[in-house]
Amino acid sequence: MSGLNASFAALADPTRRAILSRLARGEATVMELAKPFEMTQPAISQHLKVLEEAGLIVQRVDGAKRPRRLAKAGIDAMDQWLAMLRKALEKNYDRLDEVLAAMEANGETNKETKPTTKTESNKKRKKQRTL
């Protein structure tokens, strides 16, 4: 799996998202990460393996301990991809604002003809059918 695909696939699991949230506060050992979950240490280790393979966390050796922490490169790659999407959405909203402003300037919209809720829209359609 490519980097981003593996990262987002790893995030599909709520346990792995919770682990990442915990690691956002600082590094932790497997036992520290396992505490809030009702699962075995091997099960948590499997989740950690998925996160490591996705490039989202790294471990270091500290004697017998192997604390994990967030991997900056993996998080940055996802952030860059999401930033690209945010930028595209902003452009779309800017274009929509321009269209709406032009319609308003041309008198194509007014509050009397533009329902503000679904209920008002339904009432207007019923009224038009009875006319």
C-alpha atoms as a PDB file:
ATOM      1  CA  MET A   1       0.000   0.000   0.000  1.00  0.00           C
ATOM      2  CA  SER A   2       1.308   3.471  -0.798  1.00  0.00           C
ATOM      3  CA  GLY A   3       2.074   5.904   2.018  1.00  0.00           C
ATOM      4  CA  LEU A   4      -1.173   7.877   2.047  1.00  0.00           C
ATOM      5  CA  ASN A   5      -3.325   4.829   1.388  1.00  0.00           C
ATOM      6  CA  ALA A   6      -1.721   2.973   4.285  1.00  0.00           C
ATOM      7  CA  SER A   7      -2.044   6.025   6.543  1.00  0.00           C
ATOM      8  CA  PHE A   8      -5.724   6.548   5.886  1.00  0.00           C
ATOM      9  CA  ALA A   9      -6.431   2.800   6.057  1.00  0.00           C
ATOM     10  CA  ALA A  10      -4.746   2.745   9.474  1.00  0.00           C
ATOM     11  CA  LEU A  11      -6.954   5.650  10.595  1.00  0.00           C
ATOM     12  CA  ALA A  12     -10.101   3.718   9.661  1.00  0.00           C
ATOM     13  CA  ASP A  13      -9.920   1.883  12.985  1.00  0.00           C
ATOM     14  CA  PRO A  14     -11.167   3.790  16.072  1.00  0.00           C
ATOM     15  CA  THR A  15      -8.632   2.088  18.358  1.00  0.00           C
ATOM     16  CA  ARG A  16      -5.747   3.259  16.185  1.00  0.00           C
ATOM     17  CA  ARG A  17      -7.176   6.795  16.086  1.00  0.00           C
ATOM     18  CA  ALA A  18      -7.382   6.730  19.890  1.00  0.00           C
ATOM     19  CA  ILE A  19      -3.773   5.540  20.093  1.00  0.00           C
ATOM     20  CA  LEU A  20      -2.676   8.427  17.886  1.00  0.00           C
ATOM     21  CA  SER A  21      -4.647  10.859  20.038  1.00  0.00           C
ATOM     22  CA  ARG A  22      -2.861   9.539  23.100  1.00  0.00           C
ATOM     23  CA  LEU A  23       0.543   9.795  21.400  1.00  0.00           C
ATOM     24  CA  ALA A  24      -0.221  13.414  20.500  1.00  0.00           C
ATOM     25  CA  ARG A  25       0.293  14.112  24.232  1.00  0.00           C
ATOM     26  CA  GLY A  26       3.718  12.419  24.207  1.00  0.00           C
ATOM     27  CA  GLU A  27       5.422   9.092  23.782  1.00  0.00           C
ATOM     28  CA  ALA A  28       4.142   6.011  25.606  1.00  0.00           C
ATOM     29  CA  THR A  29       4.960   2.344  26.083  1.00  0.00           C
ATOM     30  CA  VAL A  30       2.747  -0.487  24.851  1.00  0.00           C
ATOM     31  CA  MET A  31       1.411  -1.061  28.369  1.00  0.00           C
ATOM     32  CA  GLU A  32       0.579   2.640  28.779  1.00  0.00           C
ATOM     33  CA  LEU A  33      -1.203   2.616  25.435  1.00  0.00           C
ATOM     34  CA  ALA A  34      -3.110  -0.570  26.303  1.00  0.00           C
ATOM     35  CA  LYS A  35      -4.520   0.744  29.632  1.00  0.00           C
ATOM     36  CA  PRO A  36      -7.693   2.436  28.320  1.00  0.00           C
ATOM     37  CA  PHE A  37      -8.641  -0.494  26.071  1.00  0.00           C
ATOM     38  CA  GLU A  38     -10.228  -3.810  26.953  1.00  0.00           C
ATOM     39  CA  MET A  39      -7.865  -5.832  24.805  1.00  0.00           C
ATOM     40  CA  THR A  40      -4.730  -7.861  25.228  1.00  0.00           C
ATOM     41  CA  GLN A  41      -1.215  -6.537  24.862  1.00  0.00           C
ATOM     42  CA  PRO A  42      -0.724  -8.597  21.654  1.00  0.00           C
ATOM     43  CA  ALA A  43      -3.841  -6.985  20.172  1.00  0.00           C
ATOM     44  CA  ILE A  44      -2.518  -3.497  20.966  1.00  0.00           C
ATOM     45  CA  SER A  45       0.852  -4.523  19.536  1.00  0.00           C
ATOM     46  CA  GLN A  46      -0.870  -5.479  16.281  1.00  0.00           C
ATOM     47  CA  HIS A  47      -2.492  -2.029  16.100  1.00  0.00           C
ATOM     48  CA  LEU A  48       0.909  -0.443  16.745  1.00  0.00           C
ATOM     49  CA  LYS A  49       2.425  -2.538  13.953  1.00  0.00           C
ATOM     50  CA  VAL A  50      -0.200  -1.236  11.506  1.00  0.00           C
ATOM     51  CA  LEU A  51       0.482   2.363  12.593  1.00  0.00           C
ATOM     52  CA  GLU A  52       4.243   1.833  12.255  1.00  0.00           C
ATOM     53  CA  GLU A  53       3.916   0.281   8.792  1.00  0.00           C
ATOM     54  CA  ALA A  54       1.763   3.238   7.758  1.00  0.00           C
ATOM     55  CA  GLY A  55       4.535   5.578   8.879  1.00  0.00           C
ATOM     56  CA  LEU A  56       2.384   7.274  11.512  1.00  0.00           C
ATOM     57  CA  ILE A  57       4.378   6.244  14.600  1.00  0.00           C
ATOM     58  CA  VAL A  58       7.960   5.262  15.392  1.00  0.00           C
ATOM     59  CA  GLN A  59       9.521   3.475  18.313  1.00  0.00           C
ATOM     60  CA  ARG A  60      12.811   3.915  20.079  1.00  0.00           C
ATOM     61  CA  VAL A  61      14.739   1.515  22.265  1.00  0.00           C
ATOM     62  CA  ASP A  62      15.095   2.516  25.919  1.00  0.00           C
ATOM     63  CA  GLY A  63      16.561  -0.533  27.659  1.00  0.00           C
ATOM     64  CA  ALA A  64      13.763  -3.127  27.771  1.00  0.00           C
ATOM     65  CA  LYS A  65      11.138  -0.521  26.877  1.00  0.00           C
ATOM     66  CA  ARG A  66      10.083   0.407  23.364  1.00  0.00           C
ATOM     67  CA  PRO A  67       8.163   3.671  23.691  1.00  0.00           C
ATOM     68  CA  ARG A  68       6.222   4.903  20.645  1.00  0.00           C
ATOM     69  CA  ARG A  69       5.704   8.447  19.439  1.00  0.00           C
ATOM     70  CA  LEU A  70       4.129  10.162  16.459  1.00  0.00           C
ATOM     71  CA  ALA A  71       6.147  10.156  13.232  1.00  0.00           C
ATOM     72  CA  LYS A  72       6.376  13.703  11.923  1.00  0.00           C
ATOM     73  CA  ALA A  73       6.898  12.686   8.281  1.00  0.00           C
ATOM     74  CA  GLY A  74       3.778  10.496   8.146  1.00  0.00           C
ATOM     75  CA  ILE A  75       1.563  13.096   9.819  1.00  0.00           C
ATOM     76  CA  ASP A  76       2.987  15.871   7.604  1.00  0.00           C
ATOM     77  CA  ALA A  77       2.255  13.869   4.429  1.00  0.00           C
ATOM     78  CA  MET A  78      -1.409  13.512   5.388  1.00  0.00           C
ATOM     79  CA  ASP A  79      -1.576  17.164   6.420  1.00  0.00           C
ATOM     80  CA  GLN A  80      -0.191  18.286   3.048  1.00  0.00           C
ATOM     81  CA  TRP A  81      -2.727  16.168   1.169  1.00  0.00           C
ATOM     82  CA  LEU A  82      -5.598  17.511   3.305  1.00  0.00           C
ATOM     83  CA  ALA A  83      -4.302  21.076   2.838  1.00  0.00           C
ATOM     84  CA  MET A  84      -4.559  20.573  -0.928  1.00  0.00           C
ATOM     85  CA  LEU A  85      -8.195  19.529  -0.507  1.00  0.00           C
ATOM     86  CA  ARG A  86      -8.931  22.483   1.788  1.00  0.00           C
ATOM     87  CA  LYS A  87      -7.451  24.854  -0.801  1.00  0.00           C
ATOM     88  CA  ALA A  88      -9.600  23.337  -3.555  1.00  0.00           C
ATOM     89  CA  LEU A  89     -12.734  23.666  -1.384  1.00  0.00           C
ATOM     90  CA  GLU A  90     -11.913  27.299  -0.626  1.00  0.00           C
ATOM     91  CA  LYS A  91     -11.656  28.010  -4.361  1.00  0.00           C
ATOM     92  CA  ASN A  92     -15.032  26.337  -4.924  1.00  0.00           C
ATOM     93  CA  TYR A  93     -16.642  28.408  -2.171  1.00  0.00           C
ATOM     94  CA  ASP A  94     -15.052  31.578  -3.549  1.00  0.00           C
ATOM     95  CA  ARG A  95     -16.547  30.828  -6.985  1.00  0.00           C
ATOM     96  CA  LEU A  96     -19.937  30.141  -5.401  1.00  0.00           C
ATOM     97  CA  ASP A  97     -19.733  33.460  -3.532  1.00  0.00           C
ATOM     98  CA  GLU A  98     -19.014  35.226  -6.841  1.00  0.00           C
ATOM     99  CA  VAL A  99     -21.990  33.552  -8.545  1.00  0.00           C
ATOM    100  CA  LEU A 100     -24.323  34.410  -5.682  1.00  0.00           C
ATOM    101  CA  ALA A 101     -23.071  38.002  -5.567  1.00  0.00           C
ATOM    102  CA  ALA A 102     -23.654  38.346  -9.318  1.00  0.00           C
ATOM    103  CA  MET A 103     -27.146  36.879  -9.007  1.00  0.00           C
ATOM    104  CA  GLU A 104     -27.962  39.253  -6.176  1.00  0.00           C
ATOM    105  CA  ALA A 105     -26.594  42.225  -8.142  1.00  0.00           C
ATOM    106  CA  ASN A 106     -28.784  41.249 -11.101  1.00  0.00           C
ATOM    107  CA  GLY A 107     -31.841  40.942  -8.889  1.00  0.00           C
ATOM    108  CA  GLU A 108     -32.107  37.215  -9.516  1.00  0.00           C
ATOM    109  CA  THR A 109     -32.673  36.459  -5.843  1.00  0.00           C
ATOM    110  CA  ASN A 110     -34.863  37.933  -3.192  1.00  0.00           C
ATOM    111  CA  LYS A 111     -36.127  36.809   0.168  1.00  0.00           C
ATOM    112  CA  GLU A 112     -39.730  36.447  -0.999  1.00  0.00           C
ATOM    113  CA  THR A 113     -38.923  33.799  -3.587  1.00  0.00           C
ATOM    114  CA  LYS A 114     -36.102  32.051  -1.750  1.00  0.00           C
ATOM    115  CA  PRO A 115     -37.378  29.688   0.993  1.00  0.00           C
ATOM    116  CA  THR A 116     -35.114  29.493   4.007  1.00  0.00           C
ATOM    117  CA  THR A 117     -36.182  26.099   5.324  1.00  0.00           C
ATOM    118  CA  LYS A 118     -37.346  22.796   3.901  1.00  0.00           C
ATOM    119  CA  THR A 119     -40.775  23.346   5.463  1.00  0.00           C
ATOM    120  CA  GLU A 120     -41.145  26.722   3.743  1.00  0.00           C
ATOM    121  CA  SER A 121     -40.041  25.148   0.469  1.00  0.00           C
ATOM    122  CA  ASN A 122     -42.678  22.404   0.795  1.00  0.00           C
ATOM    123  CA  LYS A 123     -45.392  24.962   1.654  1.00  0.00           C
ATOM    124  CA  LYS A 124     -44.481  27.037  -1.392  1.00  0.00           C
ATOM    125  CA  ARG A 125     -44.692  23.989  -3.696  1.00  0.00           C
ATOM    126  CA  LYS A 126     -48.098  23.005  -2.283  1.00  0.00           C
ATOM    127  CA  LYS A 127     -49.377  26.544  -2.739  1.00  0.00           C
ATOM    128  CA  GLN A 128     -48.184  26.609  -6.374  1.00  0.00           C
ATOM    129  CA  ARG A 129     -49.943  23.282  -7.051  1.00  0.00           C
ATOM    130  CA  THR A 130     -53.265  24.620  -5.747  1.00  0.00           C
ATOM    131  CA  LEU A 131     -53.119  27.737  -7.926  1.00  0.00           C
END
